[in-house]
Amino acid sequence: MPVEEGRPAPDFTHTADSGEMITLSSLRGSPVILYFYPKDDTPGCTAQACGIRDAWGEFERAGAVVLGVSPDDESSHVKFREKYGLPFPLLADTGHEVSEEYGVWGEKSLYGKTYMGVERSTFVIDEEGNIAKVLRKVKPDTHADDVLAALES
């Protein structure tokens, strides 16, 4: 079943950069920002993560839990998070199971070459565990503002 607004968010349990296992359904009661990005410490992904970091107070005021997800492993996430002082966990989706479940894993093209990767996408999940907003092909530079606007609507 496709992930669409108004439907329940697919549940998962995955390893965060801290080594902790995070289960999406255990976060009910708070809005969750589940954002998928292609790769740690690349220009677009860094801008996207740092935008959230810089607006962290607003995410906290909204009571939101933020989870970043990429195919990188835990050690890569630890370095990325420490380098930029990111205040939220990063989930290691090395087998891209969660990315596939959310429909963000697919064929991409760069400089005429095709490869499989993550489409930069964000899912705003409400307190009851339903998809409140789907943001696809997000722009790294405006991502934090776009997500905050979606949280407020």
N, C-alpha and C. Protein backbone atom coordinates (compact mmCIF):
# COMPACT_ATOMS: atom_id res chain seq x y z
N MET A 1 0.84 -1.18 0.00
CA MET A 1 0.00 0.00 0.00
C MET A 1 0.89 1.25 0.00
N PRO A 2 0.63 2.22 -0.87
CA PRO A 2 1.49 3.40 -0.92
C PRO A 2 1.34 4.26 0.33
N VAL A 3 2.41 4.98 0.64
CA VAL A 3 2.40 5.88 1.79
C VAL A 3 1.76 7.19 1.33
N GLU A 4 0.61 7.49 1.90
CA GLU A 4 -0.14 8.68 1.49
C GLU A 4 -0.64 9.42 2.72
N GLU A 5 -0.92 10.70 2.53
CA GLU A 5 -1.47 11.50 3.61
C GLU A 5 -2.79 10.91 4.07
N GLY A 6 -2.97 10.88 5.40
CA GLY A 6 -4.19 10.35 5.99
C GLY A 6 -4.12 8.87 6.34
N ARG A 7 -3.12 8.17 5.82
CA ARG A 7 -2.96 6.74 6.12
C ARG A 7 -1.97 6.55 7.26
N PRO A 8 -2.04 5.38 7.93
CA PRO A 8 -1.06 5.11 8.98
C PRO A 8 0.36 5.05 8.41
N ALA A 9 1.29 5.58 9.16
CA ALA A 9 2.71 5.51 8.77
C ALA A 9 3.20 4.08 8.96
N PRO A 10 3.90 3.53 7.98
CA PRO A 10 4.45 2.18 8.17
C PRO A 10 5.40 2.16 9.38
N ASP A 11 5.18 1.21 10.25
CA ASP A 11 6.00 1.10 11.45
C ASP A 11 7.32 0.41 11.12
N PHE A 12 8.34 0.68 11.91
CA PHE A 12 9.64 0.04 11.74
C PHE A 12 10.41 0.16 13.04
N THR A 13 11.41 -0.67 13.17
CA THR A 13 12.40 -0.57 14.24
C THR A 13 13.74 -0.56 13.55
N HIS A 14 14.55 0.47 13.86
CA HIS A 14 15.85 0.58 13.19
C HIS A 14 16.90 1.12 14.16
N THR A 15 18.15 0.88 13.82
CA THR A 15 19.27 1.30 14.65
C THR A 15 19.63 2.75 14.36
N ALA A 16 19.76 3.53 15.45
CA ALA A 16 20.21 4.92 15.35
C ALA A 16 21.72 4.98 15.49
N ASP A 17 22.27 6.15 15.22
CA ASP A 17 23.72 6.34 15.33
C ASP A 17 24.23 6.07 16.74
N SER A 18 23.38 6.19 17.75
CA SER A 18 23.77 5.93 19.14
C SER A 18 23.85 4.44 19.45
N GLY A 19 23.37 3.60 18.51
CA GLY A 19 23.29 2.17 18.75
C GLY A 19 21.92 1.77 19.29
N GLU A 20 21.12 2.75 19.70
CA GLU A 20 19.78 2.52 20.22
C GLU A 20 18.84 2.08 19.09
N MET A 21 17.93 1.17 19.44
CA MET A 21 16.90 0.77 18.49
C MET A 21 15.72 1.72 18.67
N ILE A 22 15.25 2.30 17.55
CA ILE A 22 14.11 3.22 17.59
C ILE A 22 12.96 2.58 16.83
N THR A 23 11.80 2.51 17.51
CA THR A 23 10.58 2.00 16.90
C THR A 23 9.65 3.17 16.69
N LEU A 24 9.21 3.36 15.45
CA LEU A 24 8.36 4.51 15.13
C LEU A 24 7.11 4.55 16.00
N SER A 25 6.41 3.43 16.15
CA SER A 25 5.15 3.42 16.90
C SER A 25 5.34 3.79 18.37
N SER A 26 6.55 3.66 18.90
CA SER A 26 6.79 4.02 20.31
C SER A 26 6.83 5.54 20.49
N LEU A 27 6.83 6.28 19.39
CA LEU A 27 6.91 7.75 19.46
C LEU A 27 5.53 8.40 19.39
N ARG A 28 4.48 7.58 19.38
CA ARG A 28 3.12 8.15 19.32
C ARG A 28 2.92 9.09 20.49
N GLY A 29 2.13 10.13 20.24
CA GLY A 29 1.91 11.16 21.24
C GLY A 29 2.68 12.42 20.89
N SER A 30 3.62 12.30 19.98
CA SER A 30 4.39 13.45 19.48
C SER A 30 4.38 13.41 17.96
N PRO A 31 4.39 14.58 17.31
CA PRO A 31 4.58 14.55 15.87
C PRO A 31 6.00 14.09 15.55
N VAL A 32 6.15 13.36 14.46
CA VAL A 32 7.46 12.85 14.06
C VAL A 32 7.77 13.38 12.66
N ILE A 33 8.98 13.90 12.51
CA ILE A 33 9.49 14.31 11.21
C ILE A 33 10.45 13.21 10.78
N LEU A 34 10.06 12.45 9.77
CA LEU A 34 10.88 11.37 9.24
C LEU A 34 11.42 11.84 7.90
N TYR A 35 12.72 12.20 7.90
CA TYR A 35 13.25 12.72 6.64
C TYR A 35 14.34 11.82 6.09
N PHE A 36 14.23 11.55 4.81
CA PHE A 36 15.14 10.68 4.08
C PHE A 36 16.10 11.53 3.26
N TYR A 37 17.37 11.20 3.34
CA TYR A 37 18.38 11.94 2.59
C TYR A 37 19.39 10.96 2.01
N PRO A 38 20.05 11.33 0.91
CA PRO A 38 20.91 10.37 0.21
C PRO A 38 22.21 9.96 0.91
N LYS A 39 22.97 10.93 1.48
CA LYS A 39 24.31 10.56 1.96
C LYS A 39 24.84 11.56 2.98
N ASP A 40 25.44 11.03 4.03
CA ASP A 40 26.07 11.87 5.05
C ASP A 40 27.17 12.74 4.45
N ASP A 41 27.28 13.95 4.99
CA ASP A 41 28.41 14.86 4.74
C ASP A 41 28.60 15.21 3.26
N THR A 42 27.50 15.32 2.53
CA THR A 42 27.53 15.84 1.16
C THR A 42 26.88 17.22 1.20
N PRO A 43 27.11 18.08 0.24
CA PRO A 43 26.64 19.47 0.35
C PRO A 43 25.14 19.62 0.61
N GLY A 44 24.30 18.96 -0.20
CA GLY A 44 22.85 19.10 -0.02
C GLY A 44 22.37 18.51 1.30
N CYS A 45 22.88 17.35 1.63
CA CYS A 45 22.45 16.67 2.86
C CYS A 45 22.93 17.43 4.09
N THR A 46 24.10 18.03 4.01
CA THR A 46 24.60 18.84 5.12
C THR A 46 23.74 20.08 5.29
N ALA A 47 23.41 20.75 4.19
CA ALA A 47 22.54 21.94 4.27
C ALA A 47 21.19 21.57 4.87
N GLN A 48 20.66 20.45 4.47
CA GLN A 48 19.37 20.00 4.97
C GLN A 48 19.43 19.74 6.48
N ALA A 49 20.42 18.98 6.92
CA ALA A 49 20.56 18.64 8.34
C ALA A 49 20.85 19.88 9.19
N CYS A 50 21.71 20.75 8.69
CA CYS A 50 22.07 21.95 9.45
C CYS A 50 20.90 22.94 9.52
N GLY A 51 20.04 22.93 8.50
CA GLY A 51 18.84 23.76 8.54
C GLY A 51 17.94 23.35 9.69
N ILE A 52 17.79 22.05 9.89
CA ILE A 52 16.99 21.56 11.02
C ILE A 52 17.69 21.91 12.33
N ARG A 53 18.99 21.70 12.39
CA ARG A 53 19.75 22.03 13.60
C ARG A 53 19.56 23.51 13.96
N ASP A 54 19.66 24.37 12.96
CA ASP A 54 19.58 25.81 13.22
C ASP A 54 18.19 26.26 13.65
N ALA A 55 17.17 25.49 13.29
CA ALA A 55 15.79 25.80 13.68
C ALA A 55 15.32 24.88 14.82
N TRP A 56 16.26 24.25 15.50
CA TRP A 56 15.93 23.22 16.48
C TRP A 56 14.95 23.72 17.55
N GLY A 57 15.10 24.94 18.00
CA GLY A 57 14.20 25.48 19.02
C GLY A 57 12.75 25.46 18.56
N GLU A 58 12.52 25.73 17.29
CA GLU A 58 11.16 25.71 16.76
C GLU A 58 10.60 24.29 16.69
N PHE A 59 11.45 23.33 16.35
CA PHE A 59 11.01 21.94 16.33
C PHE A 59 10.67 21.48 17.76
N GLU A 60 11.50 21.88 18.72
CA GLU A 60 11.23 21.54 20.12
C GLU A 60 9.93 22.15 20.60
N ARG A 61 9.69 23.43 20.27
CA ARG A 61 8.45 24.09 20.68
C ARG A 61 7.23 23.38 20.10
N ALA A 62 7.37 22.81 18.92
CA ALA A 62 6.27 22.07 18.29
C ALA A 62 6.14 20.66 18.88
N GLY A 63 7.08 20.28 19.75
CA GLY A 63 7.05 18.95 20.35
C GLY A 63 7.41 17.84 19.40
N ALA A 64 8.08 18.19 18.30
CA ALA A 64 8.37 17.21 17.24
C ALA A 64 9.62 16.39 17.54
N VAL A 65 9.55 15.13 17.17
CA VAL A 65 10.70 14.23 17.16
C VAL A 65 11.19 14.20 15.72
N VAL A 66 12.49 14.42 15.52
CA VAL A 66 13.07 14.41 14.18
C VAL A 66 13.96 13.18 14.04
N LEU A 67 13.77 12.45 12.95
CA LEU A 67 14.60 11.30 12.62
C LEU A 67 15.10 11.45 11.19
N GLY A 68 16.42 11.46 11.02
CA GLY A 68 17.01 11.45 9.69
C GLY A 68 17.30 10.01 9.28
N VAL A 69 17.07 9.67 8.03
CA VAL A 69 17.28 8.30 7.55
C VAL A 69 18.09 8.34 6.25
N SER A 70 19.17 7.55 6.21
CA SER A 70 19.92 7.40 4.96
C SER A 70 20.51 5.99 4.92
N PRO A 71 21.02 5.59 3.76
CA PRO A 71 21.62 4.25 3.65
C PRO A 71 23.00 4.14 4.31
N ASP A 72 23.53 5.22 4.85
CA ASP A 72 24.84 5.17 5.50
C ASP A 72 24.77 4.34 6.78
N ASP A 73 25.93 3.81 7.22
CA ASP A 73 25.95 3.00 8.43
C ASP A 73 26.09 3.86 9.69
N GLU A 74 26.01 3.22 10.85
CA GLU A 74 26.04 3.94 12.12
C GLU A 74 27.31 4.76 12.30
N SER A 75 28.47 4.22 11.91
CA SER A 75 29.72 4.95 12.13
C SER A 75 29.77 6.22 11.28
N SER A 76 29.25 6.16 10.07
CA SER A 76 29.17 7.35 9.22
C SER A 76 28.25 8.38 9.86
N HIS A 77 27.11 7.92 10.38
CA HIS A 77 26.16 8.81 11.04
C HIS A 77 26.76 9.49 12.27
N VAL A 78 27.52 8.72 13.05
CA VAL A 78 28.16 9.29 14.25
C VAL A 78 29.08 10.44 13.85
N LYS A 79 29.92 10.23 12.83
CA LYS A 79 30.85 11.27 12.38
C LYS A 79 30.09 12.50 11.88
N PHE A 80 29.05 12.26 11.07
CA PHE A 80 28.25 13.35 10.50
C PHE A 80 27.56 14.15 11.62
N ARG A 81 26.96 13.44 12.54
CA ARG A 81 26.23 14.10 13.62
C ARG A 81 27.19 14.91 14.52
N GLU A 82 28.33 14.33 14.84
CA GLU A 82 29.31 15.04 15.69
C GLU A 82 29.91 16.23 14.97
N LYS A 83 30.26 16.07 13.70
CA LYS A 83 30.89 17.15 12.93
C LYS A 83 30.03 18.40 12.88
N TYR A 84 28.70 18.20 12.76
CA TYR A 84 27.80 19.35 12.60
C TYR A 84 26.92 19.62 13.83
N GLY A 85 27.13 18.90 14.92
CA GLY A 85 26.37 19.13 16.14
C GLY A 85 24.87 18.92 15.95
N LEU A 86 24.51 17.86 15.27
CA LEU A 86 23.09 17.60 14.99
C LEU A 86 22.41 17.09 16.27
N PRO A 87 21.29 17.70 16.66
CA PRO A 87 20.63 17.33 17.92
C PRO A 87 19.57 16.24 17.79
N PHE A 88 19.55 15.51 16.68
CA PHE A 88 18.53 14.49 16.46
C PHE A 88 19.20 13.22 15.96
N PRO A 89 18.55 12.06 16.17
CA PRO A 89 19.16 10.79 15.75
C PRO A 89 19.11 10.58 14.24
N LEU A 90 20.09 9.82 13.77
CA LEU A 90 20.16 9.42 12.37
C LEU A 90 20.04 7.91 12.32
N LEU A 91 19.14 7.41 11.48
CA LEU A 91 18.90 5.97 11.38
C LEU A 91 19.65 5.38 10.19
N ALA A 92 20.30 4.26 10.44
CA ALA A 92 21.09 3.57 9.43
C ALA A 92 20.19 2.59 8.67
N ASP A 93 19.81 2.95 7.47
CA ASP A 93 18.95 2.11 6.63
C ASP A 93 19.82 1.47 5.54
N THR A 94 20.85 0.73 5.99
CA THR A 94 21.85 0.20 5.07
C THR A 94 21.27 -0.76 4.04
N GLY A 95 20.22 -1.47 4.39
CA GLY A 95 19.58 -2.38 3.44
C GLY A 95 18.39 -1.73 2.73
N HIS A 96 18.20 -0.45 2.97
CA HIS A 96 17.15 0.42 2.44
C HIS A 96 15.74 -0.14 2.58
N GLU A 97 15.48 -0.93 3.65
CA GLU A 97 14.14 -1.48 3.87
C GLU A 97 13.13 -0.37 4.15
N VAL A 98 13.49 0.57 5.04
CA VAL A 98 12.56 1.65 5.39
C VAL A 98 12.37 2.57 4.19
N SER A 99 13.44 2.86 3.48
CA SER A 99 13.35 3.71 2.29
C SER A 99 12.41 3.09 1.25
N GLU A 100 12.51 1.78 1.08
CA GLU A 100 11.62 1.11 0.14
C GLU A 100 10.18 1.15 0.62
N GLU A 101 9.98 0.90 1.91
CA GLU A 101 8.62 0.89 2.46
C GLU A 101 7.95 2.25 2.29
N TYR A 102 8.72 3.32 2.39
CA TYR A 102 8.17 4.67 2.25
C TYR A 102 8.20 5.16 0.79
N GLY A 103 8.68 4.32 -0.11
CA GLY A 103 8.64 4.65 -1.54
C GLY A 103 9.64 5.70 -1.97
N VAL A 104 10.76 5.80 -1.25
CA VAL A 104 11.76 6.82 -1.60
C VAL A 104 13.04 6.22 -2.17
N TRP A 105 13.10 4.89 -2.29
CA TRP A 105 14.26 4.22 -2.87
C TRP A 105 13.95 3.91 -4.32
N GLY A 106 14.79 4.36 -5.23
CA GLY A 106 14.52 4.09 -6.64
C GLY A 106 15.66 4.50 -7.52
N GLU A 107 15.41 4.42 -8.81
CA GLU A 107 16.43 4.74 -9.80
C GLU A 107 16.60 6.25 -9.89
N LYS A 108 17.85 6.67 -9.89
CA LYS A 108 18.20 8.08 -10.03
C LYS A 108 19.18 8.20 -11.18
N SER A 109 19.40 9.43 -11.61
CA SER A 109 20.31 9.67 -12.72
C SER A 109 21.19 10.87 -12.40
N LEU A 110 22.48 10.74 -12.68
CA LEU A 110 23.42 11.83 -12.47
C LEU A 110 24.49 11.75 -13.55
N TYR A 111 24.65 12.85 -14.28
CA TYR A 111 25.65 12.91 -15.36
C TYR A 111 25.49 11.77 -16.35
N GLY A 112 24.25 11.41 -16.66
CA GLY A 112 23.98 10.39 -17.64
C GLY A 112 24.07 8.96 -17.14
N LYS A 113 24.43 8.79 -15.87
CA LYS A 113 24.53 7.44 -15.31
C LYS A 113 23.34 7.21 -14.38
N THR A 114 22.79 6.01 -14.43
CA THR A 114 21.69 5.68 -13.54
C THR A 114 22.21 4.80 -12.40
N TYR A 115 21.58 4.94 -11.26
CA TYR A 115 21.95 4.18 -10.07
C TYR A 115 20.74 4.17 -9.13
N MET A 116 20.79 3.32 -8.13
CA MET A 116 19.72 3.26 -7.14
C MET A 116 20.10 4.15 -5.96
N GLY A 117 19.10 4.88 -5.46
CA GLY A 117 19.37 5.77 -4.34
C GLY A 117 18.10 6.31 -3.72
N VAL A 118 18.27 7.21 -2.77
CA VAL A 118 17.18 7.81 -2.00
C VAL A 118 16.72 9.10 -2.66
N GLU A 119 15.42 9.23 -2.83
CA GLU A 119 14.83 10.50 -3.26
C GLU A 119 14.61 11.32 -1.98
N ARG A 120 15.20 12.48 -1.94
CA ARG A 120 15.11 13.34 -0.76
C ARG A 120 13.63 13.64 -0.47
N SER A 121 13.11 13.08 0.62
CA SER A 121 11.68 13.18 0.94
C SER A 121 11.50 13.26 2.45
N THR A 122 10.38 13.87 2.86
CA THR A 122 10.07 14.01 4.28
C THR A 122 8.61 13.65 4.51
N PHE A 123 8.38 12.97 5.63
CA PHE A 123 7.03 12.59 6.04
C PHE A 123 6.78 13.18 7.42
N VAL A 124 5.72 13.99 7.51
CA VAL A 124 5.29 14.52 8.80
C VAL A 124 4.23 13.56 9.30
N ILE A 125 4.48 12.97 10.46
CA ILE A 125 3.59 11.97 11.04
C ILE A 125 2.94 12.59 12.28
N ASP A 126 1.62 12.51 12.36
CA ASP A 126 0.92 13.14 13.48
C ASP A 126 1.02 12.30 14.76
N GLU A 127 0.47 12.83 15.84
CA GLU A 127 0.57 12.20 17.15
C GLU A 127 -0.06 10.80 17.20
N GLU A 128 -1.01 10.53 16.30
CA GLU A 128 -1.66 9.23 16.28
C GLU A 128 -0.95 8.23 15.37
N GLY A 129 0.11 8.65 14.70
CA GLY A 129 0.87 7.74 13.85
C GLY A 129 0.41 7.73 12.40
N ASN A 130 -0.34 8.74 11.99
CA ASN A 130 -0.79 8.84 10.60
C ASN A 130 0.05 9.86 9.83
N ILE A 131 0.16 9.64 8.53
CA ILE A 131 0.90 10.57 7.67
C ILE A 131 0.08 11.85 7.54
N ALA A 132 0.61 12.95 8.04
CA ALA A 132 -0.09 14.24 7.96
C ALA A 132 0.32 15.00 6.70
N LYS A 133 1.59 14.85 6.29
CA LYS A 133 2.08 15.59 5.12
C LYS A 133 3.22 14.81 4.49
N VAL A 134 3.23 14.77 3.16
CA VAL A 134 4.31 14.15 2.40
C VAL A 134 4.99 15.25 1.59
N LEU A 135 6.29 15.39 1.76
CA LEU A 135 7.08 16.37 1.01
C LEU A 135 8.10 15.58 0.19
N ARG A 136 7.96 15.61 -1.12
CA ARG A 136 8.86 14.86 -2.01
C ARG A 136 9.79 15.83 -2.75
N LYS A 137 10.95 15.31 -3.11
CA LYS A 137 11.95 16.09 -3.84
C LYS A 137 12.17 17.46 -3.18
N VAL A 138 12.39 17.41 -1.86
CA VAL A 138 12.55 18.64 -1.09
C VAL A 138 13.85 19.35 -1.46
N LYS A 139 13.85 20.63 -1.26
CA LYS A 139 15.04 21.45 -1.50
C LYS A 139 15.78 21.60 -0.17
N PRO A 140 17.06 21.20 -0.12
CA PRO A 140 17.80 21.24 1.13
C PRO A 140 17.78 22.61 1.82
N ASP A 141 17.90 23.70 1.04
CA ASP A 141 18.03 25.03 1.63
C ASP A 141 16.75 25.53 2.30
N THR A 142 15.59 25.03 1.87
CA THR A 142 14.32 25.49 2.45
C THR A 142 13.62 24.39 3.24
N HIS A 143 14.26 23.25 3.37
CA HIS A 143 13.64 22.09 4.00
C HIS A 143 13.10 22.38 5.39
N ALA A 144 13.91 22.93 6.27
CA ALA A 144 13.47 23.17 7.65
C ALA A 144 12.24 24.06 7.69
N ASP A 145 12.24 25.14 6.92
CA ASP A 145 11.08 26.05 6.88
C ASP A 145 9.85 25.34 6.32
N ASP A 146 10.04 24.54 5.29
CA ASP A 146 8.91 23.81 4.69
C ASP A 146 8.31 22.82 5.68
N VAL A 147 9.16 22.14 6.44
CA VAL A 147 8.67 21.17 7.42
C VAL A 147 7.97 21.88 8.57
N LEU A 148 8.53 22.98 9.04
CA LEU A 148 7.87 23.74 10.11
C LEU A 148 6.51 24.24 9.67
N ALA A 149 6.40 24.69 8.44
CA ALA A 149 5.10 25.14 7.91
C ALA A 149 4.12 23.98 7.87
N ALA A 150 4.58 22.80 7.49
CA ALA A 150 3.72 21.61 7.44
C ALA A 150 3.28 21.21 8.85
N LEU A 151 4.15 21.37 9.82
CA LEU A 151 3.82 21.06 11.21
C LEU A 151 2.71 21.98 11.73
N GLU A 152 2.75 23.22 11.32
CA GLU A 152 1.79 24.21 11.80
C GLU A 152 0.43 24.08 11.13
N SER A 153 0.38 23.45 9.95
CA SER A 153 -0.90 23.38 9.23
C SER A 153 -1.79 22.25 9.71
